[in-house]
PDB file of N, CA and C in Angstrom:
ATOM      1  N   GLU A   1     -26.714   1.954 -32.651  1.00  0.00           N
ATOM      2  CA  GLU A   1     -26.988   0.648 -33.220  1.00  0.00           C
ATOM      3  C   GLU A   1     -25.923  -0.378 -32.824  1.00  0.00           C
ATOM      4  N   ILE A   2     -24.688  -0.007 -32.973  1.00  0.00           N
ATOM      5  CA  ILE A   2     -23.612  -0.943 -32.665  1.00  0.00           C
ATOM      6  C   ILE A   2     -23.627  -1.291 -31.182  1.00  0.00           C
ATOM      7  N   LEU A   3     -23.869  -0.303 -30.334  1.00  0.00           N
ATOM      8  CA  LEU A   3     -23.918  -0.567 -28.895  1.00  0.00           C
ATOM      9  C   LEU A   3     -25.027  -1.540 -28.533  1.00  0.00           C
ATOM     10  N   ASP A   4     -26.125  -1.492 -29.266  1.00  0.00           N
ATOM     11  CA  ASP A   4     -27.235  -2.408 -28.996  1.00  0.00           C
ATOM     12  C   ASP A   4     -26.854  -3.857 -29.258  1.00  0.00           C
ATOM     13  N   GLU A   5     -25.865  -4.072 -30.110  1.00  0.00           N
ATOM     14  CA  GLU A   5     -25.446  -5.424 -30.456  1.00  0.00           C
ATOM     15  C   GLU A   5     -24.474  -6.012 -29.428  1.00  0.00           C
ATOM     16  N   LEU A   6     -23.876  -5.161 -28.624  1.00  0.00           N
ATOM     17  CA  LEU A   6     -22.925  -5.641 -27.621  1.00  0.00           C
ATOM     18  C   LEU A   6     -23.665  -6.227 -26.425  1.00  0.00           C
ATOM     19  N   PRO A   7     -23.119  -7.299 -25.855  1.00  0.00           N
ATOM     20  CA  PRO A   7     -23.780  -7.889 -24.682  1.00  0.00           C
ATOM     21  C   PRO A   7     -23.652  -6.966 -23.470  1.00  0.00           C
ATOM     22  N   ALA A   8     -24.642  -7.012 -22.615  1.00  0.00           N
ATOM     23  CA  ALA A   8     -24.603  -6.223 -21.377  1.00  0.00           C
ATOM     24  C   ALA A   8     -23.805  -6.992 -20.331  1.00  0.00           C
ATOM     25  N   TYR A   9     -22.993  -6.286 -19.595  1.00  0.00           N
ATOM     26  CA  TYR A   9     -22.234  -6.896 -18.506  1.00  0.00           C
ATOM     27  C   TYR A   9     -22.650  -6.239 -17.198  1.00  0.00           C
ATOM     28  N   HIS A  10     -22.643  -7.023 -16.146  1.00  0.00           N
ATOM     29  CA  HIS A  10     -23.018  -6.525 -14.828  1.00  0.00           C
ATOM     30  C   HIS A  10     -21.747  -6.434 -13.991  1.00  0.00           C
ATOM     31  N   LEU A  11     -21.583  -5.316 -13.332  1.00  0.00           N
ATOM     32  CA  LEU A  11     -20.376  -5.057 -12.556  1.00  0.00           C
ATOM     33  C   LEU A  11     -20.741  -4.804 -11.098  1.00  0.00           C
ATOM     34  N   ILE A  12     -20.017  -5.458 -10.216  1.00  0.00           N
ATOM     35  CA  ILE A  12     -20.133  -5.208  -8.780  1.00  0.00           C
ATOM     36  C   ILE A  12     -18.784  -4.665  -8.326  1.00  0.00           C
ATOM     37  N   LYS A  13     -18.800  -3.517  -7.673  1.00  0.00           N
ATOM     38  CA  LYS A  13     -17.583  -2.925  -7.107  1.00  0.00           C
ATOM     39  C   LYS A  13     -17.876  -2.611  -5.651  1.00  0.00           C
ATOM     40  N   GLU A  14     -17.146  -3.250  -4.761  1.00  0.00           N
ATOM     41  CA  GLU A  14     -17.336  -3.043  -3.323  1.00  0.00           C
ATOM     42  C   GLU A  14     -15.980  -2.904  -2.658  1.00  0.00           C
ATOM     43  N   LYS A  15     -15.980  -2.278  -1.510  1.00  0.00           N
ATOM     44  CA  LYS A  15     -14.774  -2.257  -0.688  1.00  0.00           C
ATOM     45  C   LYS A  15     -15.179  -2.568   0.743  1.00  0.00           C
ATOM     46  N   HIS A  16     -14.279  -3.267   1.439  1.00  0.00           N
ATOM     47  CA  HIS A  16     -14.559  -3.716   2.798  1.00  0.00           C
ATOM     48  C   HIS A  16     -13.359  -3.434   3.688  1.00  0.00           C
ATOM     49  N   HIS A  17     -13.639  -2.880   4.856  1.00  0.00           N
ATOM     50  CA  HIS A  17     -12.589  -2.601   5.835  1.00  0.00           C
ATOM     51  C   HIS A  17     -11.907  -3.911   6.226  1.00  0.00           C
ATOM     52  N   ALA A  18     -10.596  -3.861   6.331  1.00  0.00           N
ATOM     53  CA  ALA A  18      -9.828  -5.055   6.697  1.00  0.00           C
ATOM     54  C   ALA A  18      -8.585  -4.622   7.464  1.00  0.00           C
ATOM     55  N   PRO A  19      -8.481  -5.007   8.737  1.00  0.00           N
ATOM     56  CA  PRO A  19      -7.274  -4.660   9.499  1.00  0.00           C
ATOM     57  C   PRO A  19      -5.997  -5.186   8.832  1.00  0.00           C
ATOM     58  N   ASP A  20      -6.091  -6.360   8.195  1.00  0.00           N
ATOM     59  CA  ASP A  20      -4.951  -6.945   7.486  1.00  0.00           C
ATOM     60  C   ASP A  20      -5.405  -7.348   6.081  1.00  0.00           C
ATOM     61  N   PRO A  21      -5.440  -6.393   5.150  1.00  0.00           N
ATOM     62  CA  PRO A  21      -5.931  -6.682   3.798  1.00  0.00           C
ATOM     63  C   PRO A  21      -5.176  -7.812   3.101  1.00  0.00           C
ATOM     64  N   SER A  22      -3.873  -7.891   3.309  1.00  0.00           N
ATOM     65  CA  SER A  22      -3.078  -8.939   2.653  1.00  0.00           C
ATOM     66  C   SER A  22      -3.513 -10.327   3.104  1.00  0.00           C
ATOM     67  N   ALA A  23      -3.861 -10.470   4.375  1.00  0.00           N
ATOM     68  CA  ALA A  23      -4.328 -11.765   4.884  1.00  0.00           C
ATOM     69  C   ALA A  23      -5.639 -12.160   4.220  1.00  0.00           C
ATOM     70  N   LEU A  24      -6.512 -11.202   3.996  1.00  0.00           N
ATOM     71  CA  LEU A  24      -7.780 -11.502   3.323  1.00  0.00           C
ATOM     72  C   LEU A  24      -7.547 -11.933   1.883  1.00  0.00           C
ATOM     73  N   VAL A  25      -6.658 -11.246   1.198  1.00  0.00           N
ATOM     74  CA  VAL A  25      -6.365 -11.611  -0.193  1.00  0.00           C
ATOM     75  C   VAL A  25      -5.783 -13.022  -0.244  1.00  0.00           C
ATOM     76  N   ARG A  26      -4.887 -13.343   0.683  1.00  0.00           N
ATOM     77  CA  ARG A  26      -4.318 -14.702   0.729  1.00  0.00           C
ATOM     78  C   ARG A  26      -5.404 -15.741   1.015  1.00  0.00           C
ATOM     79  N   ALA A  27      -6.336 -15.423   1.889  1.00  0.00           N
ATOM     80  CA  ALA A  27      -7.425 -16.355   2.210  1.00  0.00           C
ATOM     81  C   ALA A  27      -8.298 -16.611   0.989  1.00  0.00           C
ATOM     82  N   VAL A  28      -8.564 -15.572   0.222  1.00  0.00           N
ATOM     83  CA  VAL A  28      -9.356 -15.744  -1.005  1.00  0.00           C
ATOM     84  C   VAL A  28      -8.580 -16.607  -1.995  1.00  0.00           C
ATOM     85  N   GLU A  29      -7.290 -16.366  -2.120  1.00  0.00           N
ATOM     86  CA  GLU A  29      -6.463 -17.172  -3.026  1.00  0.00           C
ATOM     87  C   GLU A  29      -6.515 -18.646  -2.635  1.00  0.00           C
ATOM     88  N   GLU A  30      -6.391 -18.938  -1.353  1.00  0.00           N
ATOM     89  CA  GLU A  30      -6.446 -20.326  -0.889  1.00  0.00           C
ATOM     90  C   GLU A  30      -7.822 -20.942  -1.131  1.00  0.00           C
ATOM     91  N   ALA A  31      -8.872 -20.191  -0.859  1.00  0.00           N
ATOM     92  CA  ALA A  31     -10.235 -20.714  -0.995  1.00  0.00           C
ATOM     93  C   ALA A  31     -10.583 -21.039  -2.444  1.00  0.00           C
ATOM     94  N   PHE A  32     -10.008 -20.303  -3.386  1.00  0.00           N
ATOM     95  CA  PHE A  32     -10.324 -20.503  -4.799  1.00  0.00           C
ATOM     96  C   PHE A  32      -9.156 -21.127  -5.561  1.00  0.00           C
ATOM     97  N   SER A  33      -8.265 -21.810  -4.853  1.00  0.00           N
ATOM     98  CA  SER A  33      -7.054 -22.357  -5.469  1.00  0.00           C
ATOM     99  C   SER A  33      -7.331 -23.396  -6.549  1.00  0.00           C
ATOM    100  N   GLY A  34      -8.492 -24.006  -6.536  1.00  0.00           N
ATOM    101  CA  GLY A  34      -8.830 -24.996  -7.553  1.00  0.00           C
ATOM    102  C   GLY A  34      -9.333 -24.391  -8.848  1.00  0.00           C
ATOM    103  N   GLU A  35      -9.420 -23.072  -8.899  1.00  0.00           N
ATOM    104  CA  GLU A  35      -9.937 -22.389 -10.084  1.00  0.00           C
ATOM    105  C   GLU A  35      -8.805 -21.672 -10.817  1.00  0.00           C
ATOM    106  N   THR A  36      -9.111 -21.141 -11.982  1.00  0.00           N
ATOM    107  CA  THR A  36      -8.132 -20.367 -12.730  1.00  0.00           C
ATOM    108  C   THR A  36      -7.917 -19.039 -12.015  1.00  0.00           C
ATOM    109  N   ILE A  37      -6.673 -18.778 -11.635  1.00  0.00           N
ATOM    110  CA  ILE A  37      -6.344 -17.565 -10.889  1.00  0.00           C
ATOM    111  C   ILE A  37      -5.197 -16.845 -11.582  1.00  0.00           C
ATOM    112  N   GLU A  38      -5.328 -15.529 -11.679  1.00  0.00           N
ATOM    113  CA  GLU A  38      -4.246 -14.670 -12.150  1.00  0.00           C
ATOM    114  C   GLU A  38      -3.815 -13.805 -10.974  1.00  0.00           C
ATOM    115  N   LYS A  39      -2.510 -13.623 -10.822  1.00  0.00           N
ATOM    116  CA  LYS A  39      -1.992 -12.864  -9.681  1.00  0.00           C
ATOM    117  C   LYS A  39      -1.373 -11.547 -10.136  1.00  0.00           C
ATOM    118  N   ILE A  40      -2.159 -10.754 -10.814  1.00  0.00           N
ATOM    119  CA  ILE A  40      -1.715  -9.433 -11.238  1.00  0.00           C
ATOM    120  C   ILE A  40      -2.604  -8.422 -10.525  1.00  0.00           C
ATOM    121  N   ASP A  41      -2.004  -7.562  -9.737  1.00  0.00           N
ATOM    122  CA  ASP A  41      -2.748  -6.534  -9.000  1.00  0.00           C
ATOM    123  C   ASP A  41      -3.790  -7.138  -8.066  1.00  0.00           C
ATOM    124  N   GLY A  42      -3.434  -8.223  -7.406  1.00  0.00           N
ATOM    125  CA  GLY A  42      -4.362  -8.898  -6.501  1.00  0.00           C
ATOM    126  C   GLY A  42      -4.597 -10.322  -6.967  1.00  0.00           C
ATOM    127  N   ILE A  43      -5.755 -10.851  -6.633  1.00  0.00           N
ATOM    128  CA  ILE A  43      -6.138 -12.200  -7.041  1.00  0.00           C
ATOM    129  C   ILE A  43      -7.341 -12.093  -7.964  1.00  0.00           C
ATOM    130  N   LYS A  44      -7.179 -12.543  -9.194  1.00  0.00           N
ATOM    131  CA  LYS A  44      -8.276 -12.526 -10.159  1.00  0.00           C
ATOM    132  C   LYS A  44      -8.727 -13.961 -10.389  1.00  0.00           C
ATOM    133  N   ILE A  45      -9.986 -14.221 -10.108  1.00  0.00           N
ATOM    134  CA  ILE A  45     -10.583 -15.539 -10.307  1.00  0.00           C
ATOM    135  C   ILE A  45     -11.314 -15.480 -11.642  1.00  0.00           C
ATOM    136  N   VAL A  46     -10.927 -16.350 -12.565  1.00  0.00           N
ATOM    137  CA  VAL A  46     -11.484 -16.305 -13.912  1.00  0.00           C
ATOM    138  C   VAL A  46     -12.333 -17.543 -14.156  1.00  0.00           C
ATOM    139  N   ARG A  47     -13.574 -17.317 -14.505  1.00  0.00           N
ATOM    140  CA  ARG A  47     -14.495 -18.392 -14.870  1.00  0.00           C
ATOM    141  C   ARG A  47     -14.992 -18.148 -16.286  1.00  0.00           C
ATOM    142  N   ASP A  48     -15.666 -19.153 -16.859  1.00  0.00           N
ATOM    143  CA  ASP A  48     -16.183 -19.010 -18.220  1.00  0.00           C
ATOM    144  C   ASP A  48     -17.152 -17.844 -18.347  1.00  0.00           C
ATOM    145  N   ASN A  49     -17.963 -17.628 -17.317  1.00  0.00           N
ATOM    146  CA  ASN A  49     -19.033 -16.643 -17.429  1.00  0.00           C
ATOM    147  C   ASN A  49     -18.843 -15.415 -16.539  1.00  0.00           C
ATOM    148  N   ALA A  50     -17.692 -15.308 -15.868  1.00  0.00           N
ATOM    149  CA  ALA A  50     -17.470 -14.178 -14.963  1.00  0.00           C
ATOM    150  C   ALA A  50     -16.011 -14.129 -14.517  1.00  0.00           C
ATOM    151  N   TRP A  51     -15.645 -13.005 -13.942  1.00  0.00           N
ATOM    152  CA  TRP A  51     -14.351 -12.890 -13.279  1.00  0.00           C
ATOM    153  C   TRP A  51     -14.512 -12.007 -12.050  1.00  0.00           C
ATOM    154  N   ALA A  52     -13.600 -12.189 -11.099  1.00  0.00           N
ATOM    155  CA  ALA A  52     -13.593 -11.372  -9.889  1.00  0.00           C
ATOM    156  C   ALA A  52     -12.156 -11.017  -9.549  1.00  0.00           C
ATOM    157  N   LEU A  53     -11.950  -9.783  -9.137  1.00  0.00           N
ATOM    158  CA  LEU A  53     -10.642  -9.323  -8.695  1.00  0.00           C
ATOM    159  C   LEU A  53     -10.755  -8.899  -7.242  1.00  0.00           C
ATOM    160  N   VAL A  54      -9.902  -9.450  -6.406  1.00  0.00           N
ATOM    161  CA  VAL A  54      -9.843  -9.080  -4.990  1.00  0.00           C
ATOM    162  C   VAL A  54      -8.436  -8.559  -4.746  1.00  0.00           C
ATOM    163  N   ARG A  55      -8.356  -7.310  -4.291  1.00  0.00           N
ATOM    164  CA  ARG A  55      -7.038  -6.712  -4.086  1.00  0.00           C
ATOM    165  C   ARG A  55      -7.029  -5.854  -2.837  1.00  0.00           C
ATOM    166  N   ALA A  56      -5.868  -5.758  -2.249  1.00  0.00           N
ATOM    167  CA  ALA A  56      -5.682  -4.886  -1.095  1.00  0.00           C
ATOM    168  C   ALA A  56      -5.548  -3.452  -1.586  1.00  0.00           C
ATOM    169  N   SER A  57      -6.189  -2.533  -0.897  1.00  0.00           N
ATOM    170  CA  SER A  57      -6.044  -1.120  -1.218  1.00  0.00           C
ATOM    171  C   SER A  57      -4.614  -0.694  -0.914  1.00  0.00           C
ATOM    172  N   GLY A  58      -4.088   0.167  -1.739  1.00  0.00           N
ATOM    173  CA  GLY A  58      -2.743   0.672  -1.495  1.00  0.00           C
ATOM    174  C   GLY A  58      -2.723   1.881  -0.576  1.00  0.00           C
ATOM    175  N   THR A  59      -3.903   2.420  -0.262  1.00  0.00           N
ATOM    176  CA  THR A  59      -3.960   3.654   0.520  1.00  0.00           C
ATOM    177  C   THR A  59      -4.791   3.559   1.795  1.00  0.00           C
ATOM    178  N   GLU A  60      -5.586   2.497   1.927  1.00  0.00           N
ATOM    179  CA  GLU A  60      -6.481   2.374   3.077  1.00  0.00           C
ATOM    180  C   GLU A  60      -6.457   0.938   3.591  1.00  0.00           C
ATOM    181  N   PRO A  61      -6.830   0.700   4.853  1.00  0.00           N
ATOM    182  CA  PRO A  61      -6.896  -0.676   5.370  1.00  0.00           C
ATOM    183  C   PRO A  61      -8.179  -1.361   4.911  1.00  0.00           C
ATOM    184  N   MET A  62      -8.215  -1.712   3.637  1.00  0.00           N
ATOM    185  CA  MET A  62      -9.405  -2.361   3.090  1.00  0.00           C
ATOM    186  C   MET A  62      -9.053  -3.173   1.859  1.00  0.00           C
ATOM    187  N   ILE A  63     -10.000  -4.025   1.483  1.00  0.00           N
ATOM    188  CA  ILE A  63      -9.874  -4.756   0.224  1.00  0.00           C
ATOM    189  C   ILE A  63     -10.920  -4.218  -0.740  1.00  0.00           C
ATOM    190  N   ARG A  64     -10.615  -4.336  -1.998  1.00  0.00           N
ATOM    191  CA  ARG A  64     -11.553  -3.951  -3.056  1.00  0.00           C
ATOM    192  C   ARG A  64     -11.932  -5.218  -3.811  1.00  0.00           C
ATOM    193  N   ILE A  65     -13.215  -5.340  -4.099  1.00  0.00           N
ATOM    194  CA  ILE A  65     -13.737  -6.498  -4.820  1.00  0.00           C
ATOM    195  C   ILE A  65     -14.438  -5.990  -6.070  1.00  0.00           C
ATOM    196  N   MET A  66     -14.035  -6.505  -7.231  1.00  0.00           N
ATOM    197  CA  MET A  66     -14.681  -6.163  -8.492  1.00  0.00           C
ATOM    198  C   MET A  66     -15.081  -7.456  -9.187  1.00  0.00           C
ATOM    199  N   ILE A  67     -16.316  -7.515  -9.617  1.00  0.00           N
ATOM    200  CA  ILE A  67     -16.823  -8.707 -10.291  1.00  0.00           C
ATOM    201  C   ILE A  67     -17.549  -8.270 -11.548  1.00  0.00           C
ATOM    202  N   GLU A  68     -17.308  -8.999 -12.632  1.00  0.00           N
ATOM    203  CA  GLU A  68     -18.011  -8.719 -13.879  1.00  0.00           C
ATOM    204  C   GLU A  68     -18.554 -10.025 -14.434  1.00  0.00           C
ATOM    205  N   ALA A  69     -19.815  -9.987 -14.857  1.00  0.00           N
ATOM    206  CA  ALA A  69     -20.460 -11.168 -15.431  1.00  0.00           C
ATOM    207  C   ALA A  69     -21.545 -10.724 -16.403  1.00  0.00           C
ATOM    208  N   LYS A  70     -21.881 -11.599 -17.331  1.00  0.00           N
ATOM    209  CA  LYS A  70     -22.970 -11.303 -18.262  1.00  0.00           C
ATOM    210  C   LYS A  70     -24.322 -11.383 -17.572  1.00  0.00           C
ATOM    211  N   ASP A  71     -24.394 -12.143 -16.498  1.00  0.00           N
ATOM    212  CA  ASP A  71     -25.655 -12.356 -15.790  1.00  0.00           C
ATOM    213  C   ASP A  71     -25.546 -11.786 -14.371  1.00  0.00           C
ATOM    214  N   GLN A  72     -26.513 -10.985 -13.963  1.00  0.00           N
ATOM    215  CA  GLN A  72     -26.486 -10.382 -12.630  1.00  0.00           C
ATOM    216  C   GLN A  72     -26.496 -11.442 -11.535  1.00  0.00           C
ATOM    217  N   GLY A  73     -27.247 -12.518 -11.737  1.00  0.00           N
ATOM    218  CA  GLY A  73     -27.300 -13.592 -10.745  1.00  0.00           C
ATOM    219  C   GLY A  73     -25.953 -14.262 -10.552  1.00  0.00           C
ATOM    220  N   VAL A  74     -25.222 -14.454 -11.632  1.00  0.00           N
ATOM    221  CA  VAL A  74     -23.882 -15.049 -11.559  1.00  0.00           C
ATOM    222  C   VAL A  74     -22.944 -14.112 -10.799  1.00  0.00           C
ATOM    223  N   ALA A  75     -23.025 -12.823 -11.092  1.00  0.00           N
ATOM    224  CA  ALA A  75     -22.190 -11.844 -10.392  1.00  0.00           C
ATOM    225  C   ALA A  75     -22.502 -11.839  -8.899  1.00  0.00           C
ATOM    226  N   ASN A  76     -23.777 -11.830  -8.563  1.00  0.00           N
ATOM    227  CA  ASN A  76     -24.178 -11.829  -7.149  1.00  0.00           C
ATOM    228  C   ASN A  76     -23.712 -13.092  -6.428  1.00  0.00           C
ATOM    229  N   ALA A  77     -23.841 -14.241  -7.089  1.00  0.00           N
ATOM    230  CA  ALA A  77     -23.429 -15.510  -6.478  1.00  0.00           C
ATOM    231  C   ALA A  77     -21.923 -15.528  -6.230  1.00  0.00           C
ATOM    232  N   MET A  78     -21.158 -15.028  -7.180  1.00  0.00           N
ATOM    233  CA  MET A  78     -19.706 -14.997  -7.018  1.00  0.00           C
ATOM    234  C   MET A  78     -19.326 -14.048  -5.876  1.00  0.00           C
ATOM    235  N   TYR A  79     -20.012 -12.932  -5.779  1.00  0.00           N
ATOM    236  CA  TYR A  79     -19.763 -11.993  -4.685  1.00  0.00           C
ATOM    237  C   TYR A  79     -20.032 -12.663  -3.338  1.00  0.00           C
ATOM    238  N   GLN A  80     -21.120 -13.399  -3.241  1.00  0.00           N
ATOM    239  CA  GLN A  80     -21.451 -14.082  -1.986  1.00  0.00           C
ATOM    240  C   GLN A  80     -20.407 -15.143  -1.634  1.00  0.00           C
ATOM    241  N   GLU A  81     -19.889 -15.847  -2.650  1.00  0.00           N
ATOM    242  CA  GLU A  81     -18.829 -16.837  -2.402  1.00  0.00           C
ATOM    243  C   GLU A  81     -17.600 -16.166  -1.792  1.00  0.00           C
ATOM    244  N   ILE A  82     -17.215 -15.047  -2.361  1.00  0.00           N
ATOM    245  CA  ILE A  82     -16.039 -14.327  -1.869  1.00  0.00           C
ATOM    246  C   ILE A  82     -16.297 -13.791  -0.468  1.00  0.00           C
ATOM    247  N   MET A  83     -17.483 -13.260  -0.246  1.00  0.00           N
ATOM    248  CA  MET A  83     -17.798 -12.695   1.068  1.00  0.00           C
ATOM    249  C   MET A  83     -17.832 -13.761   2.159  1.00  0.00           C
ATOM    250  N   ARG A  84     -18.199 -14.992   1.821  1.00  0.00           N
ATOM    251  CA  ARG A  84     -18.147 -16.073   2.813  1.00  0.00           C
ATOM    252  C   ARG A  84     -16.716 -16.256   3.314  1.00  0.00           C
ATOM    253  N   VAL A  85     -15.767 -16.182   2.400  1.00  0.00           N
ATOM    254  CA  VAL A  85     -14.352 -16.310   2.776  1.00  0.00           C
ATOM    255  C   VAL A  85     -13.925 -15.102   3.611  1.00  0.00           C
ATOM    256  N   VAL A  86     -14.286 -13.914   3.162  1.00  0.00           N
ATOM    257  CA  VAL A  86     -13.896 -12.681   3.854  1.00  0.00           C
ATOM    258  C   VAL A  86     -14.411 -12.682   5.289  1.00  0.00           C
ATOM    259  N   ARG A  87     -15.628 -13.121   5.493  1.00  0.00           N
ATOM    260  CA  ARG A  87     -16.226 -13.118   6.832  1.00  0.00           C
ATOM    261  C   ARG A  87     -15.560 -14.117   7.777  1.00  0.00           C
ATOM    262  N   GLN A  88     -14.914 -15.132   7.226  1.00  0.00           N
ATOM    263  CA  GLN A  88     -14.279 -16.163   8.055  1.00  0.00           C
ATOM    264  C   GLN A  88     -12.897 -15.753   8.551  1.00  0.00           C
ATOM    265  N   VAL A  89     -12.326 -14.740   7.935  1.00  0.00           N
ATOM    266  CA  VAL A  89     -10.955 -14.330   8.304  1.00  0.00           C
ATOM    267  C   VAL A  89     -11.010 -13.363   9.474  1.00  0.00           C
TER     268      VAL A  89
END
């Protein structure tokens, strides 16, 4: 019963190969510099309805992207925004 009262959240977890993961994280930070950003364990972009964390893997040449939102469409849109930056680097 109690679980039914909690809002559902949608989570996207992806990882992408990156020869220079730190450069990608810096590019994401620059691209989203006008937004609320936390710099703990990578770059966390915080919005009213979602958040995204982009971080360099500590063990592999890749970045990890985690996004959480109440709405799947919002999560998908935020993922696409981040991927546009990633593809340009």
